Amino acid sequence: MFGRMVGTVRRNHALEHATITVMLRKIGHDVRMVGRATGDGYFLYANVPTELLEESTNEALARLKSGEGHLAVTPLCGTNIAVAGAMTALAALLAIGSSGSRASKFPNAMMASMLAVVAAQPVGRLVQKHLTTSPDLSDTEIIEIREGGRGGTKFHKVLTRRAAPAVDA
């Protein structure tokens, strides 16, 4: 059951990424957007018209279903930040070590951290591709898009589900 839930969130995460990519190509990069995948779809926090989101979500789903899995991976994902944070922290700890003067090792820690940030960019994309997203939305359908917001923050909830298997008559 846990594995199924993780798989569902990974697919919704891929749809969220693909939708944002499609939408940004339509309206440009001047709009601030934050997405968050869930087990039943995803939230998009952005001041965008519901019609545009619906059109972009349907296009993204169709493109993922037709094999454009690259849309599931984006440099805008928070996974990249998490990977960079983990890699730089580890690099700094290894460079400082457990013995000797930490202050004298600061330049080594700084260099190791900078190299880790550079290395984290492709690693973050690999983590997305293999762990946090799944572009296999062959049996996914969009149920509804709800609009909400309070305090000046607009959001949408895109609800998805896995289509029921066809029954032979």
N, C-alpha and C. Protein backbone atom coordinates (compact mmCIF):
# COMPACT_ATOMS: atom_id res chain seq x y z
N MET A 1 0.82 -1.19 0.00
CA MET A 1 0.00 0.00 0.00
C MET A 1 0.87 1.26 0.00
N PHE A 2 1.94 1.26 0.82
CA PHE A 2 2.83 2.42 0.87
C PHE A 2 3.49 2.64 -0.49
N GLY A 3 3.94 1.55 -1.11
CA GLY A 3 4.57 1.66 -2.43
C GLY A 3 3.63 2.22 -3.47
N ARG A 4 2.38 1.84 -3.39
CA ARG A 4 1.38 2.35 -4.34
C ARG A 4 1.18 3.86 -4.15
N MET A 5 1.12 4.30 -2.88
CA MET A 5 0.95 5.72 -2.58
C MET A 5 2.15 6.52 -3.08
N VAL A 6 3.36 6.01 -2.84
CA VAL A 6 4.57 6.69 -3.31
C VAL A 6 4.54 6.79 -4.84
N GLY A 7 4.15 5.71 -5.51
CA GLY A 7 4.05 5.73 -6.97
C GLY A 7 3.06 6.77 -7.47
N THR A 8 1.95 6.90 -6.77
CA THR A 8 0.93 7.89 -7.15
C THR A 8 1.46 9.30 -6.98
N VAL A 9 2.14 9.58 -5.87
CA VAL A 9 2.71 10.91 -5.64
C VAL A 9 3.78 11.20 -6.69
N ARG A 10 4.59 10.21 -7.04
CA ARG A 10 5.63 10.41 -8.07
C ARG A 10 5.00 10.77 -9.41
N ARG A 11 3.91 10.11 -9.77
CA ARG A 11 3.23 10.43 -11.04
C ARG A 11 2.62 11.83 -10.99
N ASN A 12 2.00 12.18 -9.88
CA ASN A 12 1.43 13.53 -9.75
C ASN A 12 2.52 14.59 -9.75
N HIS A 13 3.68 14.27 -9.17
CA HIS A 13 4.82 15.19 -9.18
C HIS A 13 5.27 15.42 -10.63
N ALA A 14 5.30 14.35 -11.43
CA ALA A 14 5.66 14.48 -12.85
C ALA A 14 4.65 15.35 -13.59
N LEU A 15 3.37 15.14 -13.32
CA LEU A 15 2.33 15.94 -13.98
C LEU A 15 2.43 17.41 -13.56
N GLU A 16 2.71 17.66 -12.30
CA GLU A 16 2.91 19.03 -11.82
C GLU A 16 4.06 19.71 -12.57
N HIS A 17 5.19 19.02 -12.67
CA HIS A 17 6.34 19.58 -13.40
C HIS A 17 6.00 19.85 -14.86
N ALA A 18 5.40 18.88 -15.51
CA ALA A 18 5.07 19.02 -16.93
C ALA A 18 4.08 20.16 -17.14
N THR A 19 3.11 20.30 -16.26
CA THR A 19 2.12 21.38 -16.37
C THR A 19 2.80 22.74 -16.24
N ILE A 20 3.67 22.89 -15.25
CA ILE A 20 4.36 24.16 -15.06
C ILE A 20 5.24 24.48 -16.27
N THR A 21 5.92 23.48 -16.80
CA THR A 21 6.76 23.69 -17.99
C THR A 21 5.92 24.17 -19.17
N VAL A 22 4.80 23.51 -19.41
CA VAL A 22 3.91 23.89 -20.52
C VAL A 22 3.38 25.30 -20.29
N MET A 23 2.95 25.58 -19.07
CA MET A 23 2.36 26.89 -18.77
C MET A 23 3.39 28.02 -18.91
N LEU A 24 4.60 27.79 -18.41
CA LEU A 24 5.63 28.82 -18.51
C LEU A 24 5.99 29.12 -19.96
N ARG A 25 5.92 28.13 -20.82
CA ARG A 25 6.18 28.36 -22.24
C ARG A 25 5.07 29.21 -22.87
N LYS A 26 3.88 29.15 -22.32
CA LYS A 26 2.76 29.93 -22.85
C LYS A 26 2.75 31.37 -22.34
N ILE A 27 3.11 31.56 -21.06
CA ILE A 27 2.96 32.89 -20.46
C ILE A 27 4.28 33.55 -20.09
N GLY A 28 5.38 32.85 -20.24
CA GLY A 28 6.67 33.42 -19.86
C GLY A 28 7.02 33.10 -18.42
N HIS A 29 8.19 33.53 -18.01
CA HIS A 29 8.72 33.19 -16.69
C HIS A 29 8.51 34.30 -15.66
N ASP A 30 7.62 35.23 -15.92
CA ASP A 30 7.41 36.33 -14.98
C ASP A 30 6.42 36.00 -13.87
N VAL A 31 5.86 34.79 -13.87
CA VAL A 31 4.87 34.39 -12.87
C VAL A 31 5.55 33.48 -11.86
N ARG A 32 5.35 33.77 -10.59
CA ARG A 32 5.90 32.94 -9.52
C ARG A 32 4.94 31.77 -9.29
N MET A 33 5.49 30.55 -9.30
CA MET A 33 4.68 29.35 -9.11
C MET A 33 5.37 28.41 -8.13
N VAL A 34 4.55 27.77 -7.32
CA VAL A 34 5.03 26.74 -6.42
C VAL A 34 4.05 25.58 -6.52
N GLY A 35 4.56 24.39 -6.73
CA GLY A 35 3.72 23.21 -6.81
C GLY A 35 4.05 22.25 -5.69
N ARG A 36 3.07 21.42 -5.35
CA ARG A 36 3.28 20.38 -4.32
C ARG A 36 2.40 19.19 -4.65
N ALA A 37 3.05 18.08 -4.96
CA ALA A 37 2.33 16.86 -5.32
C ALA A 37 1.77 16.18 -4.09
N THR A 38 0.62 15.55 -4.26
CA THR A 38 -0.04 14.79 -3.20
C THR A 38 -0.52 13.46 -3.78
N GLY A 39 -1.12 12.66 -2.94
CA GLY A 39 -1.62 11.37 -3.39
C GLY A 39 -2.82 11.45 -4.31
N ASP A 40 -3.53 12.57 -4.27
CA ASP A 40 -4.73 12.69 -5.10
C ASP A 40 -4.61 13.81 -6.14
N GLY A 41 -3.38 14.24 -6.43
CA GLY A 41 -3.19 15.28 -7.44
C GLY A 41 -2.03 16.18 -7.06
N TYR A 42 -2.24 17.46 -7.23
CA TYR A 42 -1.21 18.41 -6.81
C TYR A 42 -1.82 19.78 -6.60
N PHE A 43 -1.14 20.58 -5.76
CA PHE A 43 -1.49 21.97 -5.55
C PHE A 43 -0.58 22.83 -6.41
N LEU A 44 -1.13 23.89 -6.96
CA LEU A 44 -0.33 24.89 -7.64
C LEU A 44 -0.67 26.24 -7.03
N TYR A 45 0.34 26.85 -6.40
CA TYR A 45 0.19 28.16 -5.80
C TYR A 45 0.71 29.17 -6.81
N ALA A 46 -0.21 29.87 -7.46
CA ALA A 46 0.16 30.84 -8.50
C ALA A 46 -1.07 31.64 -8.88
N ASN A 47 -0.82 32.86 -9.29
CA ASN A 47 -1.92 33.71 -9.75
C ASN A 47 -2.09 33.51 -11.26
N VAL A 48 -2.72 32.39 -11.61
CA VAL A 48 -2.97 32.07 -13.02
C VAL A 48 -4.45 31.74 -13.19
N PRO A 49 -5.00 32.01 -14.37
CA PRO A 49 -6.40 31.68 -14.61
C PRO A 49 -6.62 30.16 -14.60
N THR A 50 -7.73 29.74 -14.05
CA THR A 50 -8.05 28.32 -13.99
C THR A 50 -8.09 27.71 -15.39
N GLU A 51 -8.61 28.46 -16.36
CA GLU A 51 -8.69 27.95 -17.74
C GLU A 51 -7.31 27.64 -18.30
N LEU A 52 -6.34 28.52 -18.02
CA LEU A 52 -4.97 28.29 -18.48
C LEU A 52 -4.38 27.06 -17.81
N LEU A 53 -4.63 26.90 -16.52
CA LEU A 53 -4.13 25.73 -15.81
C LEU A 53 -4.75 24.46 -16.37
N GLU A 54 -6.04 24.49 -16.63
CA GLU A 54 -6.73 23.32 -17.17
C GLU A 54 -6.17 22.95 -18.55
N GLU A 55 -6.01 23.94 -19.40
CA GLU A 55 -5.47 23.71 -20.74
C GLU A 55 -4.03 23.16 -20.65
N SER A 56 -3.22 23.74 -19.79
CA SER A 56 -1.83 23.31 -19.64
C SER A 56 -1.73 21.92 -19.03
N THR A 57 -2.59 21.61 -18.05
CA THR A 57 -2.59 20.29 -17.43
C THR A 57 -2.99 19.22 -18.42
N ASN A 58 -4.02 19.48 -19.21
CA ASN A 58 -4.44 18.50 -20.22
C ASN A 58 -3.35 18.28 -21.26
N GLU A 59 -2.70 19.36 -21.70
CA GLU A 59 -1.61 19.22 -22.66
C GLU A 59 -0.45 18.44 -22.05
N ALA A 60 -0.10 18.77 -20.80
CA ALA A 60 1.01 18.08 -20.13
C ALA A 60 0.72 16.59 -19.99
N LEU A 61 -0.50 16.24 -19.59
CA LEU A 61 -0.87 14.84 -19.44
C LEU A 61 -0.78 14.12 -20.79
N ALA A 62 -1.30 14.74 -21.83
CA ALA A 62 -1.25 14.13 -23.17
C ALA A 62 0.20 13.93 -23.62
N ARG A 63 1.04 14.91 -23.37
CA ARG A 63 2.44 14.81 -23.79
C ARG A 63 3.19 13.75 -22.99
N LEU A 64 2.94 13.65 -21.70
CA LEU A 64 3.57 12.59 -20.91
C LEU A 64 3.09 11.22 -21.39
N LYS A 65 1.81 11.09 -21.67
CA LYS A 65 1.27 9.82 -22.16
C LYS A 65 1.85 9.45 -23.53
N SER A 66 2.22 10.45 -24.32
CA SER A 66 2.76 10.17 -25.65
C SER A 66 4.28 9.96 -25.62
N GLY A 67 4.86 9.92 -24.43
CA GLY A 67 6.27 9.57 -24.32
C GLY A 67 7.23 10.70 -24.03
N GLU A 68 6.76 11.91 -23.76
CA GLU A 68 7.65 13.03 -23.47
C GLU A 68 8.00 13.07 -21.98
N GLY A 69 8.64 12.00 -21.52
CA GLY A 69 8.99 11.86 -20.11
C GLY A 69 9.95 12.92 -19.60
N HIS A 70 10.69 13.57 -20.50
CA HIS A 70 11.62 14.63 -20.08
C HIS A 70 10.90 15.78 -19.39
N LEU A 71 9.59 15.93 -19.64
CA LEU A 71 8.83 17.00 -18.99
C LEU A 71 8.69 16.80 -17.49
N ALA A 72 8.97 15.58 -17.00
CA ALA A 72 8.84 15.28 -15.57
C ALA A 72 10.01 15.83 -14.76
N VAL A 73 11.11 16.18 -15.42
CA VAL A 73 12.31 16.65 -14.72
C VAL A 73 12.54 18.12 -15.05
N THR A 74 12.74 18.93 -14.01
CA THR A 74 12.90 20.36 -14.22
C THR A 74 13.97 20.94 -13.29
N PRO A 75 14.69 21.95 -13.76
CA PRO A 75 15.66 22.60 -12.88
C PRO A 75 14.99 23.45 -11.80
N LEU A 76 13.69 23.63 -11.86
CA LEU A 76 12.96 24.46 -10.91
C LEU A 76 12.47 23.68 -9.68
N CYS A 77 12.74 22.39 -9.62
CA CYS A 77 12.20 21.54 -8.56
C CYS A 77 12.94 21.70 -7.24
N GLY A 78 12.20 21.63 -6.15
CA GLY A 78 12.78 21.69 -4.82
C GLY A 78 13.69 20.51 -4.51
N THR A 79 13.53 19.41 -5.23
CA THR A 79 14.43 18.27 -5.06
C THR A 79 15.87 18.70 -5.30
N ASN A 80 16.08 19.57 -6.28
CA ASN A 80 17.43 20.05 -6.58
C ASN A 80 18.03 20.80 -5.39
N ILE A 81 17.21 21.59 -4.71
CA ILE A 81 17.68 22.33 -3.54
C ILE A 81 18.02 21.36 -2.41
N ALA A 82 17.19 20.37 -2.20
CA ALA A 82 17.44 19.38 -1.14
C ALA A 82 18.72 18.59 -1.41
N VAL A 83 18.90 18.18 -2.66
CA VAL A 83 20.12 17.45 -3.02
C VAL A 83 21.35 18.33 -2.84
N ALA A 84 21.27 19.58 -3.28
CA ALA A 84 22.40 20.50 -3.12
C ALA A 84 22.72 20.72 -1.64
N GLY A 85 21.70 20.88 -0.83
CA GLY A 85 21.92 21.06 0.61
C GLY A 85 22.59 19.86 1.24
N ALA A 86 22.12 18.67 0.91
CA ALA A 86 22.70 17.45 1.48
C ALA A 86 24.14 17.26 1.01
N MET A 87 24.37 17.49 -0.27
CA MET A 87 25.72 17.28 -0.80
C MET A 87 26.72 18.31 -0.26
N THR A 88 26.30 19.56 -0.14
CA THR A 88 27.23 20.57 0.39
C THR A 88 27.51 20.35 1.87
N ALA A 89 26.50 19.97 2.63
CA ALA A 89 26.72 19.68 4.05
C ALA A 89 27.69 18.52 4.22
N LEU A 90 27.50 17.46 3.46
CA LEU A 90 28.39 16.30 3.54
C LEU A 90 29.81 16.67 3.12
N ALA A 91 29.94 17.43 2.03
CA ALA A 91 31.26 17.84 1.56
C ALA A 91 31.98 18.68 2.61
N ALA A 92 31.27 19.61 3.23
CA ALA A 92 31.89 20.45 4.26
C ALA A 92 32.31 19.63 5.47
N LEU A 93 31.46 18.70 5.89
CA LEU A 93 31.81 17.85 7.04
C LEU A 93 33.03 16.99 6.75
N LEU A 94 33.08 16.43 5.55
CA LEU A 94 34.23 15.60 5.19
C LEU A 94 35.51 16.44 5.10
N ALA A 95 35.40 17.65 4.57
CA ALA A 95 36.57 18.52 4.43
C ALA A 95 37.10 18.98 5.79
N ILE A 96 36.21 19.24 6.72
CA ILE A 96 36.62 19.70 8.05
C ILE A 96 37.18 18.55 8.87
N GLY A 97 36.57 17.37 8.73
CA GLY A 97 37.06 16.22 9.49
C GLY A 97 36.78 16.35 10.97
N SER A 98 37.34 15.43 11.73
CA SER A 98 37.07 15.43 13.18
C SER A 98 38.28 15.82 14.01
N SER A 99 39.42 16.00 13.41
CA SER A 99 40.60 16.36 14.20
C SER A 99 41.27 17.60 13.63
N GLY A 100 42.00 18.28 14.46
CA GLY A 100 42.73 19.47 14.03
C GLY A 100 41.89 20.73 14.14
N SER A 101 42.49 21.81 13.73
CA SER A 101 41.83 23.12 13.80
C SER A 101 40.79 23.26 12.69
N ARG A 102 39.55 23.48 13.07
CA ARG A 102 38.47 23.65 12.09
C ARG A 102 38.64 24.95 11.32
N ALA A 103 39.11 25.98 11.98
CA ALA A 103 39.28 27.28 11.32
C ALA A 103 40.28 27.18 10.18
N SER A 104 41.33 26.43 10.35
CA SER A 104 42.33 26.31 9.29
C SER A 104 41.82 25.48 8.11
N LYS A 105 40.76 24.71 8.33
CA LYS A 105 40.20 23.87 7.26
C LYS A 105 39.04 24.55 6.53
N PHE A 106 38.71 25.77 6.97
CA PHE A 106 37.60 26.48 6.34
C PHE A 106 37.77 26.62 4.83
N PRO A 107 38.93 26.99 4.31
CA PRO A 107 39.07 27.08 2.84
C PRO A 107 38.79 25.75 2.14
N ASN A 108 39.22 24.65 2.73
CA ASN A 108 38.94 23.33 2.15
C ASN A 108 37.43 23.04 2.16
N ALA A 109 36.78 23.38 3.27
CA ALA A 109 35.34 23.16 3.37
C ALA A 109 34.59 24.01 2.34
N MET A 110 35.06 25.25 2.17
CA MET A 110 34.43 26.15 1.20
C MET A 110 34.58 25.60 -0.22
N MET A 111 35.77 25.15 -0.59
CA MET A 111 36.01 24.60 -1.92
C MET A 111 35.19 23.32 -2.13
N ALA A 112 35.18 22.44 -1.13
CA ALA A 112 34.41 21.20 -1.23
C ALA A 112 32.92 21.50 -1.41
N SER A 113 32.42 22.49 -0.69
CA SER A 113 31.01 22.87 -0.80
C SER A 113 30.68 23.42 -2.18
N MET A 114 31.57 24.25 -2.72
CA MET A 114 31.33 24.81 -4.06
C MET A 114 31.32 23.71 -5.12
N LEU A 115 32.23 22.77 -5.00
CA LEU A 115 32.24 21.64 -5.94
C LEU A 115 30.97 20.79 -5.79
N ALA A 116 30.52 20.64 -4.56
CA ALA A 116 29.30 19.87 -4.32
C ALA A 116 28.08 20.54 -4.94
N VAL A 117 28.02 21.86 -4.90
CA VAL A 117 26.89 22.57 -5.51
C VAL A 117 26.88 22.33 -7.02
N VAL A 118 28.06 22.38 -7.63
CA VAL A 118 28.15 22.13 -9.08
C VAL A 118 27.73 20.69 -9.39
N ALA A 119 28.23 19.74 -8.62
CA ALA A 119 27.89 18.33 -8.84
C ALA A 119 26.42 18.05 -8.54
N ALA A 120 25.82 18.83 -7.67
CA ALA A 120 24.43 18.58 -7.27
C ALA A 120 23.44 18.85 -8.40
N GLN A 121 23.79 19.68 -9.35
CA GLN A 121 22.85 19.99 -10.43
C GLN A 121 22.46 18.74 -11.23
N PRO A 122 23.40 17.99 -11.78
CA PRO A 122 22.99 16.77 -12.49
C PRO A 122 22.47 15.68 -11.55
N VAL A 123 23.01 15.64 -10.33
CA VAL A 123 22.53 14.64 -9.37
C VAL A 123 21.07 14.90 -9.01
N GLY A 124 20.70 16.17 -8.83
CA GLY A 124 19.31 16.51 -8.55
C GLY A 124 18.38 16.07 -9.65
N ARG A 125 18.79 16.24 -10.89
CA ARG A 125 17.96 15.78 -12.02
C ARG A 125 17.83 14.26 -12.03
N LEU A 126 18.92 13.57 -11.69
CA LEU A 126 18.85 12.10 -11.62
C LEU A 126 17.93 11.64 -10.50
N VAL A 127 17.99 12.32 -9.36
CA VAL A 127 17.11 11.98 -8.24
C VAL A 127 15.65 12.18 -8.67
N GLN A 128 15.36 13.27 -9.36
CA GLN A 128 14.00 13.48 -9.86
C GLN A 128 13.60 12.35 -10.81
N LYS A 129 14.46 12.07 -11.77
CA LYS A 129 14.13 11.08 -12.80
C LYS A 129 13.87 9.70 -12.22
N HIS A 130 14.67 9.30 -11.22
CA HIS A 130 14.60 7.93 -10.73
C HIS A 130 13.89 7.75 -9.39
N LEU A 131 13.70 8.85 -8.63
CA LEU A 131 13.12 8.70 -7.30
C LEU A 131 11.87 9.52 -7.05
N THR A 132 11.86 10.79 -7.43
CA THR A 132 10.76 11.66 -6.99
C THR A 132 9.68 11.89 -8.04
N THR A 133 9.92 11.50 -9.29
CA THR A 133 8.89 11.60 -10.31
C THR A 133 8.80 10.30 -11.10
N SER A 134 7.67 10.09 -11.72
CA SER A 134 7.49 8.98 -12.65
C SER A 134 6.62 9.48 -13.80
N PRO A 135 7.15 9.47 -15.02
CA PRO A 135 6.39 9.99 -16.15
C PRO A 135 5.36 9.00 -16.71
N ASP A 136 5.19 7.84 -16.08
CA ASP A 136 4.23 6.85 -16.56
C ASP A 136 2.82 7.19 -16.06
N LEU A 137 2.14 8.03 -16.82
CA LEU A 137 0.79 8.43 -16.47
C LEU A 137 -0.24 7.79 -17.41
N SER A 138 0.09 6.64 -17.94
CA SER A 138 -0.75 6.00 -18.95
C SER A 138 -2.17 5.74 -18.45
N ASP A 139 -2.34 5.50 -17.17
CA ASP A 139 -3.68 5.24 -16.63
C ASP A 139 -4.17 6.34 -15.69
N THR A 140 -3.59 7.53 -15.83
CA THR A 140 -3.98 8.66 -14.98
C THR A 140 -4.97 9.55 -15.71
N GLU A 141 -5.94 10.04 -14.98
CA GLU A 141 -6.89 10.99 -15.56
C GLU A 141 -7.11 12.14 -14.60
N ILE A 142 -7.45 13.28 -15.17
CA ILE A 142 -7.73 14.47 -14.39
C ILE A 142 -9.22 14.46 -14.06
N ILE A 143 -9.53 14.58 -12.78
CA ILE A 143 -10.93 14.57 -12.35
C ILE A 143 -11.51 15.97 -12.33
N GLU A 144 -10.75 16.89 -11.71
CA GLU A 144 -11.30 18.22 -11.47
C GLU A 144 -10.16 19.17 -11.11
N ILE A 145 -10.38 20.45 -11.36
CA ILE A 145 -9.47 21.48 -10.90
C ILE A 145 -10.27 22.45 -10.04
N ARG A 146 -9.85 22.59 -8.79
CA ARG A 146 -10.53 23.48 -7.85
C ARG A 146 -9.67 24.71 -7.62
N GLU A 147 -10.34 25.84 -7.46
CA GLU A 147 -9.64 27.10 -7.21
C GLU A 147 -9.91 27.51 -5.77
N GLY A 148 -8.89 28.09 -5.14
CA GLY A 148 -9.05 28.57 -3.78
C GLY A 148 -8.03 29.65 -3.47
N GLY A 149 -8.06 30.07 -2.23
CA GLY A 149 -7.08 31.06 -1.80
C GLY A 149 -7.61 31.87 -0.64
N ARG A 150 -6.66 32.44 0.07
CA ARG A 150 -7.01 33.35 1.17
C ARG A 150 -5.78 34.19 1.47
N GLY A 151 -6.01 35.35 1.98
CA GLY A 151 -4.91 36.24 2.33
C GLY A 151 -4.08 36.67 1.14
N GLY A 152 -4.69 36.76 -0.03
CA GLY A 152 -3.96 37.19 -1.21
C GLY A 152 -3.20 36.08 -1.91
N THR A 153 -3.25 34.85 -1.39
CA THR A 153 -2.56 33.73 -2.02
C THR A 153 -3.58 32.88 -2.76
N LYS A 154 -3.41 32.81 -4.08
CA LYS A 154 -4.30 32.01 -4.91
C LYS A 154 -3.67 30.64 -5.13
N PHE A 155 -4.51 29.61 -5.08
CA PHE A 155 -4.01 28.28 -5.39
C PHE A 155 -5.08 27.50 -6.13
N HIS A 156 -4.63 26.44 -6.76
CA HIS A 156 -5.51 25.48 -7.42
C HIS A 156 -5.14 24.09 -6.92
N LYS A 157 -6.13 23.23 -6.85
CA LYS A 157 -5.89 21.82 -6.56
C LYS A 157 -6.32 21.04 -7.79
N VAL A 158 -5.36 20.36 -8.41
CA VAL A 158 -5.65 19.51 -9.55
C VAL A 158 -5.83 18.11 -9.00
N LEU A 159 -7.03 17.56 -9.16
CA LEU A 159 -7.34 16.23 -8.66
C LEU A 159 -7.18 15.20 -9.78
N THR A 160 -6.46 14.12 -9.46
CA THR A 160 -6.24 13.05 -10.43
C THR A 160 -6.66 11.72 -9.83
N ARG A 161 -6.76 10.74 -10.69
CA ARG A 161 -6.97 9.36 -10.23
C ARG A 161 -6.48 8.43 -11.32
N ARG A 162 -6.26 7.21 -10.91
CA ARG A 162 -5.88 6.19 -11.88
C ARG A 162 -7.17 5.65 -12.47
N ALA A 163 -7.20 5.55 -13.78
CA ALA A 163 -8.39 5.06 -14.46
C ALA A 163 -8.63 3.61 -14.12
N ALA A 164 -9.89 3.25 -14.00
CA ALA A 164 -10.24 1.86 -13.72
C ALA A 164 -9.89 1.01 -14.94
N PRO A 165 -9.38 -0.19 -14.72
CA PRO A 165 -9.06 -1.05 -15.86
C PRO A 165 -10.31 -1.40 -16.66
N ALA A 166 -10.14 -1.50 -17.95
CA ALA A 166 -11.27 -1.84 -18.83
C ALA A 166 -11.72 -3.26 -18.55
N VAL A 167 -13.02 -3.46 -18.52
CA VAL A 167 -13.60 -4.78 -18.28
C VAL A 167 -14.14 -5.31 -19.58
N ASP A 168 -13.72 -6.53 -19.94
CA ASP A 168 -14.21 -7.14 -21.18
C ASP A 168 -15.65 -7.58 -20.98
N ALA A 169 -16.48 -7.29 -21.97
CA ALA A 169 -17.91 -7.64 -21.87
C ALA A 169 -18.16 -9.00 -22.44
